[in-house]
Amino acid sequence: MNLTYSPKWLKHITAALTIKVLTITVLPLTGCSKGIPIVSEVPEEKAYTLSESMIIAATERNRYQQIYTNQIWGVELPGGQTFETYLKDQVKEFLQEMKIMNLLAEQKEVIVTTSEKEQIRKLSEEYYDGLTADDIAYMGIKEEDVKTIYEAYFLANKVVRELTKDMNLEISDSEAKVITVEQIELSDSATAAEVLEKVSAEGSNFEMIAKEYSEDPIIRKQTGRGEFPGAYEEAAFALNAGEISPITAYNDKYYIIKCISDYDEDATQARKSILYTDRKKEAFSKIYDQFRTETPITFDNEDWDSMRFSKDDKTTTTNFFELYKKHFPE
């Protein structure tokens, strides 16, 4: 299980459209002769060129427009910020983070090997060959630009793996354990006592009684350790399959819980993977945050301020990250 580097701003925003921010996007400037961004405290030759930046920009611009139509470029967010401005800020942050990751890799002597470069070359060739003439004109790129940005993205991921590979990050089955329960949620303790008698009677149908009495219409649930800490978790995880808990007070409600499965293997393994990734992110973040403090990077705003989005740009490419995952599934 490996950790794939991704932007930190994956979150929901409220706008004239209901939008879930997926990643990042930015619109190109005309002409690709000068590089953007200009990175403070980093030698100019190490900065991304406009063409390299445009590979990410075009990918995300097109993904947003496909999902939300070209009306997205007129969206205004709370506080008066436009969606365009918001996304320009995010692409700057993404490129800053990737640059920091690459500088950290350089400091730690993490490199792209010859065999890895060959894999990246094949990936870059596949991506470039799939572009339309309009895509290439929009981004102003050559195949070498694709190779450069894929190497930077690969190295950002590799430094995470390399700096965490010897850490003890494993998650035990006990920590990740997922069980399946049916529950009855009630607000009144007296009613809860009556219902407990009903479900405890020989031949009773817990699910049918739950549907009749439970204030939460979702009767069957999967739960893992740590999701409902305290009395609810203690009661649920103490049960064997088929057993029913006593009345359990939790968050001003009363619960009666029946264990359907005291170990869901598939769900446990899936949760184990998620918890491992979270633990790995947390461990790497400590290294990354310290390095970022010591190595501040900012981009010159002049070029970014002049960027504008247009619904009429002729570009359709969306598969930069999908192709990466195909070649480096991790």
Protein backbone atom coordinates (compact mmCIF):
# COMPACT_ATOMS: atom_id res chain seq x y z
CA MET A 1 0.00 0.00 0.00
CA ASN A 2 1.54 3.30 -1.10
CA LEU A 3 0.57 6.90 -0.67
CA THR A 4 -0.11 8.96 -3.76
CA TYR A 5 0.66 12.64 -3.45
CA SER A 6 -2.38 14.84 -3.94
CA PRO A 7 -3.34 18.45 -3.27
CA LYS A 8 -4.50 19.36 0.24
CA TRP A 9 -7.47 21.45 -0.76
CA LEU A 10 -9.86 18.65 -1.72
CA LYS A 11 -13.05 20.05 -0.16
CA HIS A 12 -16.58 21.29 -0.79
CA ILE A 13 -17.36 24.88 -1.71
CA THR A 14 -20.70 26.64 -1.98
CA ALA A 15 -21.38 28.67 -5.12
CA ALA A 16 -24.11 29.49 -7.61
CA LEU A 17 -23.58 25.91 -8.72
CA THR A 18 -23.23 23.09 -6.20
CA ILE A 19 -19.58 22.20 -6.78
CA LYS A 20 -17.34 19.62 -5.26
CA VAL A 21 -13.77 20.70 -5.84
CA LEU A 22 -12.01 17.73 -7.38
CA THR A 23 -8.50 19.07 -7.87
CA ILE A 24 -7.25 22.21 -9.57
CA THR A 25 -7.49 24.23 -12.78
CA VAL A 26 -6.02 27.30 -14.42
CA LEU A 27 -6.18 28.96 -17.84
CA PRO A 28 -3.06 29.58 -19.96
CA LEU A 29 -1.54 32.82 -21.09
CA THR A 30 -0.85 33.32 -24.75
CA GLY A 31 2.68 32.45 -25.75
CA CYS A 32 4.83 29.90 -24.01
CA SER A 33 8.27 31.41 -24.20
CA LYS A 34 8.56 32.53 -20.62
CA GLY A 35 8.33 30.28 -17.63
CA ILE A 36 5.77 30.41 -14.86
CA PRO A 37 5.73 30.39 -12.01
CA ILE A 38 8.71 32.37 -10.80
CA VAL A 39 9.71 30.65 -7.59
CA SER A 40 11.30 32.68 -4.83
CA GLU A 41 14.40 31.22 -3.22
CA VAL A 42 14.65 28.60 -5.97
CA PRO A 43 17.03 29.01 -8.92
CA GLU A 44 15.11 30.10 -12.02
CA GLU A 45 16.16 27.06 -14.02
CA LYS A 46 14.27 24.91 -11.49
CA ALA A 47 10.96 26.74 -11.95
CA TYR A 48 8.15 25.21 -14.00
CA THR A 49 7.74 26.57 -17.49
CA LEU A 50 4.40 27.82 -18.70
CA SER A 51 4.09 24.82 -21.01
CA GLU A 52 4.71 22.39 -18.14
CA SER A 53 2.17 24.20 -15.97
CA MET A 54 -0.35 24.12 -18.79
CA ILE A 55 -0.42 20.32 -18.83
CA ILE A 56 -2.05 20.32 -15.40
CA ALA A 57 -4.10 23.41 -16.21
CA ALA A 58 -5.67 22.00 -19.35
CA THR A 59 -6.46 18.68 -17.69
CA GLU A 60 -8.36 20.24 -14.83
CA ARG A 61 -9.99 23.01 -16.85
CA ASN A 62 -11.55 20.41 -19.12
CA ARG A 63 -12.63 18.11 -16.31
CA TYR A 64 -14.48 20.96 -14.61
CA GLN A 65 -16.12 22.12 -17.82
CA GLN A 66 -17.22 18.60 -18.69
CA ILE A 67 -18.89 18.14 -15.32
CA TYR A 68 -20.33 21.60 -14.70
CA THR A 69 -20.56 23.05 -18.27
CA ASN A 70 -18.90 26.27 -19.33
CA GLN A 71 -21.19 28.21 -16.98
CA ILE A 72 -18.73 27.40 -14.21
CA TRP A 73 -16.45 30.21 -15.32
CA GLY A 74 -19.09 32.76 -14.33
CA VAL A 75 -19.62 31.37 -10.85
CA GLU A 76 -19.03 33.71 -7.91
CA LEU A 77 -18.16 32.25 -4.52
CA PRO A 78 -19.13 33.61 -1.10
CA GLY A 79 -17.15 36.76 -0.35
CA GLY A 80 -17.11 37.86 -3.97
CA GLN A 81 -14.24 35.65 -5.13
CA THR A 82 -14.80 34.18 -8.56
CA PHE A 83 -14.43 30.50 -9.23
CA GLU A 84 -11.72 31.40 -11.72
CA THR A 85 -9.70 33.25 -9.06
CA TYR A 86 -10.21 30.47 -6.56
CA LEU A 87 -8.87 27.87 -8.96
CA LYS A 88 -5.91 29.99 -9.99
CA ASP A 89 -4.96 30.18 -6.32
CA GLN A 90 -5.24 26.43 -6.02
CA VAL A 91 -3.08 25.64 -9.02
CA LYS A 92 -0.40 27.92 -7.61
CA GLU A 93 -0.56 26.05 -4.31
CA PHE A 94 -0.43 22.69 -6.07
CA LEU A 95 2.66 23.63 -8.07
CA GLN A 96 4.31 25.10 -4.98
CA GLU A 97 3.70 21.87 -3.08
CA MET A 98 5.02 19.74 -5.91
CA LYS A 99 8.10 21.94 -6.15
CA ILE A 100 8.73 21.57 -2.41
CA MET A 101 8.31 17.81 -2.71
CA ASN A 102 10.90 17.72 -5.49
CA LEU A 103 13.35 19.85 -3.51
CA LEU A 104 12.85 17.57 -0.51
CA ALA A 105 13.59 14.59 -2.75
CA GLU A 106 16.79 16.31 -3.89
CA GLN A 107 17.88 16.95 -0.31
CA LYS A 108 17.17 13.34 0.67
CA GLU A 109 18.87 12.03 -2.49
CA VAL A 110 15.71 10.41 -3.78
CA ILE A 111 16.01 10.15 -7.55
CA VAL A 112 14.18 8.84 -10.59
CA THR A 113 16.06 5.75 -11.71
CA THR A 114 16.90 4.84 -15.29
CA SER A 115 14.19 2.17 -15.44
CA GLU A 116 11.64 4.57 -13.92
CA LYS A 117 12.58 7.20 -16.50
CA GLU A 118 11.92 4.68 -19.22
CA GLN A 119 8.47 3.97 -17.79
CA ILE A 120 7.81 7.70 -17.64
CA ARG A 121 9.00 8.09 -21.24
CA LYS A 122 6.45 5.50 -22.39
CA LEU A 123 3.74 7.17 -20.31
CA SER A 124 4.60 10.58 -21.76
CA GLU A 125 4.55 9.22 -25.29
CA GLU A 126 1.13 7.68 -24.75
CA TYR A 127 -0.25 10.91 -23.31
CA TYR A 128 1.23 13.13 -26.02
CA ASP A 129 0.13 10.86 -28.86
CA GLY A 130 -3.42 11.03 -27.55
CA LEU A 131 -3.61 14.82 -27.69
CA THR A 132 -5.45 16.67 -30.43
CA ALA A 133 -3.82 19.47 -32.42
CA ASP A 134 -6.01 21.90 -30.45
CA ASP A 135 -4.78 20.45 -27.15
CA ILE A 136 -1.14 20.89 -28.17
CA ALA A 137 -1.75 24.43 -29.39
CA TYR A 138 -3.64 25.33 -26.21
CA MET A 139 -0.87 24.07 -23.94
CA GLY A 140 2.01 25.03 -26.23
CA ILE A 141 3.83 21.83 -25.36
CA LYS A 142 6.25 19.33 -26.77
CA GLU A 143 6.59 15.74 -25.65
CA GLU A 144 9.63 16.68 -23.55
CA ASP A 145 7.42 19.03 -21.49
CA VAL A 146 5.10 16.13 -20.73
CA LYS A 147 8.03 13.98 -19.67
CA THR A 148 9.34 16.73 -17.38
CA ILE A 149 6.07 17.27 -15.54
CA TYR A 150 5.37 13.54 -15.23
CA GLU A 151 8.83 13.09 -13.69
CA ALA A 152 8.14 15.88 -11.21
CA TYR A 153 4.82 14.31 -10.26
CA PHE A 154 6.38 10.85 -9.99
CA LEU A 155 9.19 12.15 -7.79
CA ALA A 156 6.71 13.88 -5.48
CA ASN A 157 5.04 10.51 -4.95
CA LYS A 158 8.29 8.59 -4.65
CA VAL A 159 9.71 10.80 -1.91
CA VAL A 160 6.66 9.98 0.22
CA ARG A 161 7.24 6.26 -0.22
CA GLU A 162 10.97 6.45 0.38
CA LEU A 163 10.81 8.56 3.53
CA THR A 164 8.11 6.44 5.14
CA LYS A 165 9.04 2.93 4.00
CA ASP A 166 10.98 2.08 7.18
CA MET A 167 8.44 3.53 9.60
CA ASN A 168 6.26 1.19 11.63
CA LEU A 169 2.91 2.22 10.13
CA GLU A 170 1.12 -1.10 9.94
CA ILE A 171 -2.49 -1.33 11.05
CA SER A 172 -3.64 -4.42 12.92
CA ASP A 173 -6.84 -6.24 12.08
CA SER A 174 -8.09 -5.33 15.54
CA GLU A 175 -7.61 -1.59 14.88
CA ALA A 176 -9.29 -1.82 11.49
CA LYS A 177 -12.02 -4.28 12.49
CA VAL A 178 -15.41 -3.64 10.92
CA ILE A 179 -18.61 -5.22 12.16
CA THR A 180 -22.18 -5.21 10.85
CA VAL A 181 -25.00 -4.36 13.23
CA GLU A 182 -28.69 -3.60 13.27
CA GLN A 183 -29.72 -0.87 15.67
CA ILE A 184 -32.75 0.76 17.20
CA GLU A 185 -32.36 4.43 18.08
CA LEU A 186 -34.75 6.00 20.60
CA SER A 187 -35.03 9.23 22.57
CA ASP A 188 -36.95 7.85 25.55
CA SER A 189 -35.48 5.38 28.04
CA ALA A 190 -38.87 3.94 28.99
CA THR A 191 -39.70 3.20 25.37
CA ALA A 192 -36.24 1.70 24.95
CA ALA A 193 -36.94 -0.67 27.86
CA GLU A 194 -40.21 -1.80 26.26
CA VAL A 195 -38.57 -2.34 22.88
CA LEU A 196 -35.72 -4.30 24.45
CA GLU A 197 -38.29 -6.71 25.90
CA LYS A 198 -39.85 -7.15 22.47
CA VAL A 199 -36.59 -7.87 20.62
CA SER A 200 -35.42 -10.21 23.40
CA ALA A 201 -38.54 -12.37 23.20
CA GLU A 202 -38.07 -15.79 21.65
CA GLY A 203 -38.80 -15.79 17.92
CA SER A 204 -38.83 -12.00 17.63
CA ASN A 205 -37.73 -10.29 14.43
CA PHE A 206 -35.25 -7.59 15.38
CA GLU A 207 -35.25 -5.92 11.98
CA MET A 208 -39.04 -5.63 11.77
CA ILE A 209 -39.28 -4.23 15.30
CA ALA A 210 -36.47 -1.81 14.53
CA LYS A 211 -38.30 -0.54 11.43
CA GLU A 212 -41.36 0.07 13.58
CA TYR A 213 -39.69 1.86 16.48
CA SER A 214 -36.29 3.25 15.48
CA GLU A 215 -36.02 7.00 15.02
CA ASP A 216 -33.14 6.41 12.63
CA PRO A 217 -34.59 4.80 9.48
CA ILE A 218 -31.23 3.23 8.62
CA ILE A 219 -31.33 0.00 10.59
CA ARG A 220 -28.35 -1.99 9.30
CA LYS A 221 -24.93 -0.40 9.48
CA GLN A 222 -21.27 -1.23 9.28
CA THR A 223 -19.03 0.36 11.89
CA GLY A 224 -15.33 0.33 12.60
CA ARG A 225 -13.37 1.04 15.74
CA GLY A 226 -13.02 4.74 16.40
CA GLU A 227 -16.06 5.78 14.38
CA PHE A 228 -18.40 5.98 17.40
CA PRO A 229 -16.04 6.06 20.39
CA GLY A 230 -17.41 5.51 23.84
CA ALA A 231 -20.43 3.58 25.02
CA TYR A 232 -21.82 2.74 21.57
CA GLU A 233 -18.55 1.22 20.36
CA GLU A 234 -17.99 -0.67 23.60
CA ALA A 235 -21.47 -2.19 23.43
CA ALA A 236 -21.33 -3.06 19.73
CA PHE A 237 -17.85 -4.61 19.75
CA ALA A 238 -18.58 -6.66 22.85
CA LEU A 239 -21.21 -8.64 20.96
CA ASN A 240 -20.83 -11.91 19.12
CA ALA A 241 -22.86 -12.52 15.99
CA GLY A 242 -26.56 -12.88 16.86
CA GLU A 243 -26.29 -11.23 20.29
CA ILE A 244 -28.27 -8.16 21.38
CA SER A 245 -26.88 -5.43 23.60
CA PRO A 246 -28.51 -3.94 26.67
CA ILE A 247 -29.83 -0.38 26.31
CA THR A 248 -26.87 1.85 25.56
CA ALA A 249 -26.95 5.62 26.14
CA TYR A 250 -24.94 7.54 23.57
CA ASN A 251 -25.10 11.19 22.46
CA ASP A 252 -28.46 11.81 24.21
CA LYS A 253 -30.04 8.80 22.53
CA TYR A 254 -30.75 5.23 23.60
CA TYR A 255 -29.62 2.34 21.43
CA ILE A 256 -30.36 -1.35 21.25
CA ILE A 257 -27.81 -3.08 19.04
CA LYS A 258 -27.85 -6.51 17.43
CA CYS A 259 -24.63 -7.88 15.99
CA ILE A 260 -25.13 -9.37 12.54
CA SER A 261 -21.44 -10.02 11.81
CA ASP A 262 -18.70 -9.62 14.42
CA TYR A 263 -16.00 -9.49 11.70
CA ASP A 264 -16.53 -8.34 8.12
CA GLU A 265 -13.31 -9.44 6.45
CA ASP A 266 -13.62 -7.50 3.19
CA ALA A 267 -14.69 -4.28 4.91
CA THR A 268 -11.95 -4.69 7.52
CA GLN A 269 -9.25 -5.05 4.89
CA ALA A 270 -10.58 -2.03 2.98
CA ARG A 271 -10.61 0.06 6.16
CA LYS A 272 -7.16 -1.21 7.05
CA SER A 273 -5.87 0.22 3.77
CA ILE A 274 -7.53 3.57 4.43
CA LEU A 275 -6.17 3.80 7.97
CA TYR A 276 -2.69 2.86 6.75
CA THR A 277 -2.80 5.62 4.15
CA ASP A 278 -3.97 8.14 6.76
CA ARG A 279 -1.19 7.10 9.12
CA LYS A 280 1.36 7.37 6.33
CA LYS A 281 0.13 10.84 5.39
CA GLU A 282 0.38 11.96 8.99
CA ALA A 283 3.92 10.60 9.33
CA PHE A 284 5.09 12.21 6.10
CA SER A 285 3.38 15.51 6.90
CA LYS A 286 5.68 15.99 9.87
CA ILE A 287 8.70 15.75 7.57
CA TYR A 288 7.10 17.82 4.84
CA ASP A 289 5.86 20.61 7.12
CA GLN A 290 9.27 21.10 8.69
CA PHE A 291 10.97 21.19 5.28
CA ARG A 292 8.37 23.61 3.92
CA THR A 293 9.02 25.97 6.83
CA GLU A 294 12.73 25.86 6.09
CA THR A 295 12.22 26.14 2.32
CA PRO A 296 9.50 28.73 1.63
CA ILE A 297 8.41 28.94 -1.99
CA THR A 298 6.17 31.60 -3.49
CA PHE A 299 5.20 32.39 -7.06
CA ASP A 300 5.31 35.78 -8.70
CA ASN A 301 1.68 36.98 -9.04
CA GLU A 302 2.19 39.08 -12.17
CA ASP A 303 1.61 36.33 -14.70
CA TRP A 304 -1.13 34.66 -12.68
CA ASP A 305 -3.08 37.91 -12.33
CA SER A 306 -3.27 38.24 -16.11
CA MET A 307 -4.74 34.75 -16.61
CA ARG A 308 -8.31 34.47 -17.81
CA PHE A 309 -10.60 31.50 -18.38
CA SER A 310 -12.60 31.18 -21.56
CA LYS A 311 -15.37 28.78 -22.50
CA ASP A 312 -14.22 28.97 -26.10
CA ASP A 313 -10.74 27.47 -25.71
CA LYS A 314 -10.38 24.46 -27.95
CA THR A 315 -9.01 21.71 -25.74
CA THR A 316 -10.48 18.42 -24.55
CA THR A 317 -7.73 16.47 -22.78
CA THR A 318 -8.62 15.14 -19.33
CA ASN A 319 -6.56 12.00 -18.78
CA PHE A 320 -3.19 13.16 -17.41
CA PHE A 321 -3.73 11.66 -13.96
CA GLU A 322 -5.67 8.63 -15.19
CA LEU A 323 -2.78 7.61 -17.44
CA TYR A 324 -0.35 8.10 -14.57
CA LYS A 325 -2.36 5.71 -12.40
CA LYS A 326 -2.48 3.22 -15.26
CA HIS A 327 1.33 3.13 -15.52
CA PHE A 328 2.00 3.56 -11.78
CA PRO A 329 -1.03 2.02 -10.03
CA GLU A 330 0.61 1.89 -6.59
